[in-house]
Amino acid sequence: MPGLNVRFTEEELEALRERADSEGVSMQSLAHDAVVRAVSERSRLFEDAAAHVLDVSDELNRRLA
């Protein structure tokens, strides 16, 4: 499986370590899941925005047709 090296400050790494420990997961797993959630959320927000634009423009498109 492909990998990715990510650099953290000492403070960020310590926060990651503490969070992973508190959730009982590895730092790698916690970081992986956070990135996947961020990517998925961005896609969801885009899809929601596109759907909103289509809904709002539907009436205008009907009037212009």
Protein backbone atom coordinates (compact mmCIF):
# COMPACT_ATOMS: atom_id res chain seq x y z
CA MET A 1 0.00 0.00 0.00
CA PRO A 2 1.38 3.45 -0.85
CA GLY A 3 2.43 5.66 2.05
CA LEU A 4 2.88 9.31 2.89
CA ASN A 5 5.36 10.98 5.22
CA VAL A 6 3.89 13.85 7.20
CA ARG A 7 5.95 16.23 9.33
CA PHE A 8 4.66 17.60 12.63
CA THR A 9 5.99 20.08 15.14
CA GLU A 10 6.86 18.63 18.54
CA GLU A 11 3.65 20.12 19.95
CA GLU A 12 1.50 18.67 17.15
CA LEU A 13 3.11 15.26 17.52
CA GLU A 14 2.53 15.29 21.27
CA ALA A 15 -1.13 16.26 20.77
CA LEU A 16 -1.49 13.45 18.23
CA ARG A 17 0.14 10.98 20.63
CA GLU A 18 -2.13 12.04 23.50
CA ARG A 19 -5.27 11.84 21.36
CA ALA A 20 -4.33 8.42 19.99
CA ASP A 21 -3.62 7.16 23.51
CA SER A 22 -6.93 8.49 24.80
CA GLU A 23 -8.82 6.78 21.96
CA GLY A 24 -6.83 3.56 22.26
CA VAL A 25 -5.62 3.65 18.64
CA SER A 26 -2.27 4.09 16.95
CA MET A 27 -1.10 7.53 15.89
CA GLN A 28 -0.95 6.26 12.30
CA SER A 29 -4.54 5.05 12.43
CA LEU A 30 -5.76 8.30 13.97
CA ALA A 31 -3.94 10.42 11.38
CA HIS A 32 -5.15 8.21 8.51
CA ASP A 33 -8.76 8.39 9.62
CA ALA A 34 -8.57 12.19 10.07
CA VAL A 35 -7.27 12.67 6.54
CA VAL A 36 -9.90 10.35 5.04
CA ARG A 37 -12.65 12.21 6.96
CA ALA A 38 -11.34 15.57 5.76
CA VAL A 39 -11.30 14.44 2.13
CA SER A 40 -14.76 12.92 2.41
CA GLU A 41 -16.16 16.04 4.10
CA ARG A 42 -14.77 18.26 1.35
CA SER A 43 -16.46 16.08 -1.30
CA ARG A 44 -19.73 16.12 0.65
CA LEU A 45 -19.65 19.90 0.99
CA PHE A 46 -19.05 20.28 -2.74
CA GLU A 47 -21.93 17.93 -3.56
CA ASP A 48 -24.23 19.81 -1.17
CA ALA A 49 -23.27 23.14 -2.71
CA ALA A 50 -23.81 21.83 -6.25
CA ALA A 51 -27.23 20.45 -5.30
CA HIS A 52 -28.16 23.81 -3.74
CA VAL A 53 -27.14 25.71 -6.87
CA LEU A 54 -29.19 23.35 -9.03
CA ASP A 55 -32.23 23.77 -6.77
CA VAL A 56 -31.96 27.55 -6.69
CA SER A 57 -31.40 27.87 -10.44
CA ASP A 58 -34.17 25.41 -11.35
CA GLU A 59 -36.92 28.06 -11.24
CA LEU A 60 -34.83 30.52 -13.25
CA ASN A 61 -34.02 27.87 -15.84
CA ARG A 62 -37.75 27.08 -16.21
CA ARG A 63 -38.55 30.76 -16.75
CA LEU A 64 -35.77 31.14 -19.32
CA ALA A 65 -36.78 28.05 -21.29
